[in-house]
């Protein structure tokens, strides 16, 4: 909870809860100025941003903007490109070009796959216990022989598949 002095200071300075109107070119408080290049983001679906890319013009750019008002046949190709760059950040070809972001994504994917494999290997070596005795090959053979000696499940099970006279599996 704010003390009474802090609360009155906030109310006097106009912070916390005061609302004001502002234009798109200025901030709500009005203290900060925008950079000459506004955060305009053109997309293919919405290629015309609300504000031009460059808002503060130099003398050369202002002269070019005045020259723009006359006939466009008098403008050179370089001047037309410069006027386009004042209004838009990038062309459609630049918007549609492929990025190399997929390399970063695939690098991260392979890094984490490798890291996971390393963790699994480390756990198999240091965390998981040794194989239990009942899972060794000779012990499994002894268990199978015991099941056959007891003739367990003689109708459809292992004993049904074993030939007791020839001591081999039925074919």
C-alpha atoms as a PDB file:
ATOM      1  CA  UNK A   1       0.000   0.000   0.000  1.00  0.00           C
ATOM      2  CA  UNK A   2       1.328   3.402  -0.889  1.00  0.00           C
ATOM      3  CA  UNK A   3       1.827   5.949   1.830  1.00  0.00           C
ATOM      4  CA  UNK A   4      -0.145   9.177   1.725  1.00  0.00           C
ATOM      5  CA  UNK A   5       2.918  11.238   0.664  1.00  0.00           C
ATOM      6  CA  UNK A   6       3.769   8.884  -2.195  1.00  0.00           C
ATOM      7  CA  UNK A   7       0.154   8.836  -3.326  1.00  0.00           C
ATOM      8  CA  UNK A   8      -0.114  12.637  -3.364  1.00  0.00           C
ATOM      9  CA  UNK A   9       3.174  12.865  -5.282  1.00  0.00           C
ATOM     10  CA  UNK A  10       1.819  10.468  -7.906  1.00  0.00           C
ATOM     11  CA  UNK A  11      -1.382  12.456  -8.224  1.00  0.00           C
ATOM     12  CA  UNK A  12       0.478  15.783  -8.539  1.00  0.00           C
ATOM     13  CA  UNK A  13       2.899  14.563 -11.197  1.00  0.00           C
ATOM     14  CA  UNK A  14       0.151  12.996 -13.223  1.00  0.00           C
ATOM     15  CA  UNK A  15       1.477   9.428 -13.148  1.00  0.00           C
ATOM     16  CA  UNK A  16      -0.409   6.217 -12.593  1.00  0.00           C
ATOM     17  CA  UNK A  17      -3.932   6.557 -13.817  1.00  0.00           C
ATOM     18  CA  UNK A  18      -3.925   9.725 -15.849  1.00  0.00           C
ATOM     19  CA  UNK A  19      -4.953   9.397 -19.448  1.00  0.00           C
ATOM     20  CA  UNK A  20      -4.169  11.649 -22.308  1.00  0.00           C
ATOM     21  CA  UNK A  21      -4.672  11.804 -26.010  1.00  0.00           C
ATOM     22  CA  UNK A  22      -1.787  11.450 -28.346  1.00  0.00           C
ATOM     23  CA  UNK A  23      -1.211  11.431 -32.037  1.00  0.00           C
ATOM     24  CA  UNK A  24       0.362   8.460 -33.825  1.00  0.00           C
ATOM     25  CA  UNK A  25       3.626  10.374 -34.140  1.00  0.00           C
ATOM     26  CA  UNK A  26       4.014  11.136 -30.433  1.00  0.00           C
ATOM     27  CA  UNK A  27       4.045   9.178 -27.210  1.00  0.00           C
ATOM     28  CA  UNK A  28       1.368   9.389 -24.542  1.00  0.00           C
ATOM     29  CA  UNK A  29       3.560  11.333 -22.107  1.00  0.00           C
ATOM     30  CA  UNK A  30       5.038  13.515 -24.791  1.00  0.00           C
ATOM     31  CA  UNK A  31       8.553  13.502 -23.312  1.00  0.00           C
ATOM     32  CA  UNK A  32      10.161  11.047 -25.734  1.00  0.00           C
ATOM     33  CA  UNK A  33      10.575  11.577 -29.449  1.00  0.00           C
ATOM     34  CA  UNK A  34      10.395   8.813 -31.983  1.00  0.00           C
ATOM     35  CA  UNK A  35      13.424   7.918 -34.028  1.00  0.00           C
ATOM     36  CA  UNK A  36      13.412   9.027 -37.670  1.00  0.00           C
ATOM     37  CA  UNK A  37      12.645   5.436 -38.623  1.00  0.00           C
ATOM     38  CA  UNK A  38       9.304   4.382 -37.191  1.00  0.00           C
ATOM     39  CA  UNK A  39       8.595   0.779 -36.249  1.00  0.00           C
ATOM     40  CA  UNK A  40       6.653   0.118 -39.390  1.00  0.00           C
ATOM     41  CA  UNK A  41       6.299  -3.485 -40.355  1.00  0.00           C
ATOM     42  CA  UNK A  42       4.977  -4.205 -43.818  1.00  0.00           C
ATOM     43  CA  UNK A  43       3.620  -7.654 -44.566  1.00  0.00           C
ATOM     44  CA  UNK A  44       2.459  -9.286 -47.742  1.00  0.00           C
ATOM     45  CA  UNK A  45      -1.079  -9.384 -46.369  1.00  0.00           C
ATOM     46  CA  UNK A  46      -0.952  -5.677 -45.381  1.00  0.00           C
ATOM     47  CA  UNK A  47       1.705  -4.015 -47.555  1.00  0.00           C
ATOM     48  CA  UNK A  48       0.718  -0.397 -46.888  1.00  0.00           C
ATOM     49  CA  UNK A  49       1.785   0.659 -43.377  1.00  0.00           C
ATOM     50  CA  UNK A  50      -0.097   3.464 -41.635  1.00  0.00           C
ATOM     51  CA  UNK A  51       2.983   5.650 -41.342  1.00  0.00           C
ATOM     52  CA  UNK A  52       5.883   6.182 -43.740  1.00  0.00           C
ATOM     53  CA  UNK A  53       9.113   4.397 -42.949  1.00  0.00           C
ATOM     54  CA  UNK A  54      11.136   7.600 -42.547  1.00  0.00           C
ATOM     55  CA  UNK A  55       9.397  10.408 -40.660  1.00  0.00           C
ATOM     56  CA  UNK A  56      12.180  12.990 -40.168  1.00  0.00           C
ATOM     57  CA  UNK A  57      13.531  14.106 -43.525  1.00  0.00           C
ATOM     58  CA  UNK A  58      16.874  15.687 -44.309  1.00  0.00           C
ATOM     59  CA  UNK A  59      17.223  18.651 -46.669  1.00  0.00           C
ATOM     60  CA  UNK A  60      17.938  16.400 -49.659  1.00  0.00           C
ATOM     61  CA  UNK A  61      14.940  14.233 -48.847  1.00  0.00           C
ATOM     62  CA  UNK A  62      12.667  17.265 -48.480  1.00  0.00           C
ATOM     63  CA  UNK A  63      13.847  18.559 -51.857  1.00  0.00           C
ATOM     64  CA  UNK A  64      13.148  15.157 -53.359  1.00  0.00           C
ATOM     65  CA  UNK A  65       9.641  15.168 -51.819  1.00  0.00           C
ATOM     66  CA  UNK A  66       8.997  18.578 -53.430  1.00  0.00           C
ATOM     67  CA  UNK A  67      10.260  17.264 -56.748  1.00  0.00           C
ATOM     68  CA  UNK A  68       7.880  14.316 -56.337  1.00  0.00           C
ATOM     69  CA  UNK A  69       4.878  16.663 -56.575  1.00  0.00           C
ATOM     70  CA  UNK A  70       5.744  17.505 -60.169  1.00  0.00           C
ATOM     71  CA  UNK A  71       5.794  15.110 -63.099  1.00  0.00           C
ATOM     72  CA  UNK A  72       7.256  11.670 -62.374  1.00  0.00           C
ATOM     73  CA  UNK A  73       8.676  11.529 -65.902  1.00  0.00           C
ATOM     74  CA  UNK A  74      11.297  14.051 -64.800  1.00  0.00           C
ATOM     75  CA  UNK A  75      12.492  11.837 -61.933  1.00  0.00           C
ATOM     76  CA  UNK A  76      15.417   9.500 -62.477  1.00  0.00           C
ATOM     77  CA  UNK A  77      15.291   5.845 -61.499  1.00  0.00           C
ATOM     78  CA  UNK A  78      17.540   6.481 -58.489  1.00  0.00           C
ATOM     79  CA  UNK A  79      15.221   9.268 -57.279  1.00  0.00           C
ATOM     80  CA  UNK A  80      12.193   7.001 -57.631  1.00  0.00           C
ATOM     81  CA  UNK A  81      13.952   4.314 -55.596  1.00  0.00           C
ATOM     82  CA  UNK A  82      14.911   6.893 -52.955  1.00  0.00           C
ATOM     83  CA  UNK A  83      11.271   8.060 -52.738  1.00  0.00           C
ATOM     84  CA  UNK A  84      10.132   4.445 -52.395  1.00  0.00           C
ATOM     85  CA  UNK A  85      12.646   3.886 -49.590  1.00  0.00           C
ATOM     86  CA  UNK A  86      11.307   6.936 -47.741  1.00  0.00           C
ATOM     87  CA  UNK A  87       7.825   5.424 -47.721  1.00  0.00           C
ATOM     88  CA  UNK A  88       8.503   1.687 -47.381  1.00  0.00           C
ATOM     89  CA  UNK A  89      11.117  -0.295 -45.519  1.00  0.00           C
ATOM     90  CA  UNK A  90      11.433  -3.125 -48.036  1.00  0.00           C
ATOM     91  CA  UNK A  91      10.150  -4.244 -51.414  1.00  0.00           C
ATOM     92  CA  UNK A  92       7.922  -7.250 -52.050  1.00  0.00           C
ATOM     93  CA  UNK A  93      10.950  -9.190 -53.282  1.00  0.00           C
ATOM     94  CA  UNK A  94      12.772  -8.402 -50.031  1.00  0.00           C
ATOM     95  CA  UNK A  95       9.687  -9.310 -47.997  1.00  0.00           C
ATOM     96  CA  UNK A  96       9.344 -12.652 -49.769  1.00  0.00           C
ATOM     97  CA  UNK A  97      12.992 -13.690 -49.704  1.00  0.00           C
ATOM     98  CA  UNK A  98      13.845 -16.773 -47.746  1.00  0.00           C
ATOM     99  CA  UNK A  99      15.548 -16.384 -44.442  1.00  0.00           C
ATOM    100  CA  UNK A 100      18.226 -18.597 -42.951  1.00  0.00           C
ATOM    101  CA  UNK A 101      16.251 -19.068 -39.757  1.00  0.00           C
ATOM    102  CA  UNK A 102      15.646 -22.735 -40.597  1.00  0.00           C
ATOM    103  CA  UNK A 103      19.361 -23.389 -40.080  1.00  0.00           C
ATOM    104  CA  UNK A 104      19.178 -22.058 -36.544  1.00  0.00           C
ATOM    105  CA  UNK A 105      16.056 -24.064 -35.798  1.00  0.00           C
ATOM    106  CA  UNK A 106      17.533 -27.284 -37.174  1.00  0.00           C
ATOM    107  CA  UNK A 107      20.791 -26.638 -35.312  1.00  0.00           C
ATOM    108  CA  UNK A 108      18.867 -26.270 -32.042  1.00  0.00           C
ATOM    109  CA  UNK A 109      16.825 -29.412 -32.769  1.00  0.00           C
ATOM    110  CA  UNK A 110      19.949 -31.474 -33.451  1.00  0.00           C
ATOM    111  CA  UNK A 111      21.696 -30.016 -30.420  1.00  0.00           C
ATOM    112  CA  UNK A 112      18.857 -31.053 -28.131  1.00  0.00           C
ATOM    113  CA  UNK A 113      18.613 -34.500 -29.748  1.00  0.00           C
ATOM    114  CA  UNK A 114      22.346 -34.960 -29.166  1.00  0.00           C
ATOM    115  CA  UNK A 115      22.087 -33.669 -25.617  1.00  0.00           C
ATOM    116  CA  UNK A 116      19.205 -36.075 -24.930  1.00  0.00           C
ATOM    117  CA  UNK A 117      21.178 -39.000 -26.370  1.00  0.00           C
ATOM    118  CA  UNK A 118      24.132 -38.034 -24.194  1.00  0.00           C
ATOM    119  CA  UNK A 119      21.903 -37.945 -21.106  1.00  0.00           C
ATOM    120  CA  UNK A 120      20.421 -41.352 -21.919  1.00  0.00           C
ATOM    121  CA  UNK A 121      23.896 -42.795 -22.419  1.00  0.00           C
ATOM    122  CA  UNK A 122      25.074 -41.279 -19.108  1.00  0.00           C
ATOM    123  CA  UNK A 123      22.060 -42.699 -17.296  1.00  0.00           C
ATOM    124  CA  UNK A 124      22.646 -46.171 -18.706  1.00  0.00           C
ATOM    125  CA  UNK A 125      26.248 -46.084 -17.537  1.00  0.00           C
ATOM    126  CA  UNK A 126      25.944 -44.395 -14.132  1.00  0.00           C
ATOM    127  CA  UNK A 127      22.298 -44.353 -13.030  1.00  0.00           C
ATOM    128  CA  UNK A 128      20.594 -47.560 -14.100  1.00  0.00           C
ATOM    129  CA  UNK A 129      21.530 -50.695 -12.170  1.00  0.00           C
ATOM    130  CA  UNK A 130      23.322 -53.681 -13.654  1.00  0.00           C
ATOM    131  CA  UNK A 131      21.276 -56.297 -15.453  1.00  0.00           C
ATOM    132  CA  UNK A 132      19.443 -58.526 -13.024  1.00  0.00           C
ATOM    133  CA  UNK A 133      20.578 -62.143 -12.842  1.00  0.00           C
ATOM    134  CA  UNK A 134      17.300 -63.490 -14.208  1.00  0.00           C
ATOM    135  CA  UNK A 135      17.839 -61.678 -17.519  1.00  0.00           C
ATOM    136  CA  UNK A 136      21.152 -63.316 -18.425  1.00  0.00           C
ATOM    137  CA  UNK A 137      21.107 -65.782 -21.343  1.00  0.00           C
ATOM    138  CA  UNK A 138      22.058 -68.883 -19.305  1.00  0.00           C
ATOM    139  CA  UNK A 139      19.387 -68.108 -16.699  1.00  0.00           C
ATOM    140  CA  UNK A 140      16.760 -67.682 -19.445  1.00  0.00           C
ATOM    141  CA  UNK A 141      17.766 -71.070 -20.874  1.00  0.00           C
ATOM    142  CA  UNK A 142      17.399 -72.620 -17.390  1.00  0.00           C
ATOM    143  CA  UNK A 143      13.918 -71.070 -16.989  1.00  0.00           C
ATOM    144  CA  UNK A 144      12.845 -72.402 -20.385  1.00  0.00           C
ATOM    145  CA  UNK A 145      14.127 -75.880 -19.542  1.00  0.00           C
ATOM    146  CA  UNK A 146      12.270 -75.773 -16.215  1.00  0.00           C
ATOM    147  CA  UNK A 147       9.000 -74.826 -17.970  1.00  0.00           C
ATOM    148  CA  UNK A 148       9.483 -77.679 -20.428  1.00  0.00           C
ATOM    149  CA  UNK A 149      10.300 -80.149 -17.618  1.00  0.00           C
ATOM    150  CA  UNK A 150       7.133 -79.184 -15.745  1.00  0.00           C
ATOM    151  CA  UNK A 151       5.155 -79.538 -19.019  1.00  0.00           C
ATOM    152  CA  UNK A 152       3.475 -76.211 -18.402  1.00  0.00           C
ATOM    153  CA  UNK A 153       0.484 -75.454 -20.657  1.00  0.00           C
ATOM    154  CA  UNK A 154       0.700 -78.660 -22.703  1.00  0.00           C
ATOM    155  CA  UNK A 155      -2.186 -77.876 -25.082  1.00  0.00           C
ATOM    156  CA  UNK A 156      -1.299 -74.506 -26.592  1.00  0.00           C
ATOM    157  CA  UNK A 157       1.799 -73.274 -24.751  1.00  0.00           C
ATOM    158  CA  UNK A 158       5.492 -74.093 -24.825  1.00  0.00           C
ATOM    159  CA  UNK A 159       5.052 -77.745 -23.959  1.00  0.00           C
ATOM    160  CA  UNK A 160       2.820 -78.217 -27.004  1.00  0.00           C
ATOM    161  CA  UNK A 161       5.612 -76.939 -29.276  1.00  0.00           C
ATOM    162  CA  UNK A 162       8.345 -79.183 -27.761  1.00  0.00           C
ATOM    163  CA  UNK A 163       9.016 -82.727 -28.900  1.00  0.00           C
ATOM    164  CA  UNK A 164       9.971 -84.611 -25.713  1.00  0.00           C
ATOM    165  CA  UNK A 165      11.250 -87.735 -27.524  1.00  0.00           C
ATOM    166  CA  UNK A 166      13.623 -85.961 -29.935  1.00  0.00           C
ATOM    167  CA  UNK A 167      14.441 -83.128 -27.452  1.00  0.00           C
ATOM    168  CA  UNK A 168      13.884 -80.387 -30.047  1.00  0.00           C
ATOM    169  CA  UNK A 169      11.181 -77.961 -31.136  1.00  0.00           C
ATOM    170  CA  UNK A 170       8.412 -79.329 -33.354  1.00  0.00           C
ATOM    171  CA  UNK A 171       8.408 -78.245 -36.951  1.00  0.00           C
END
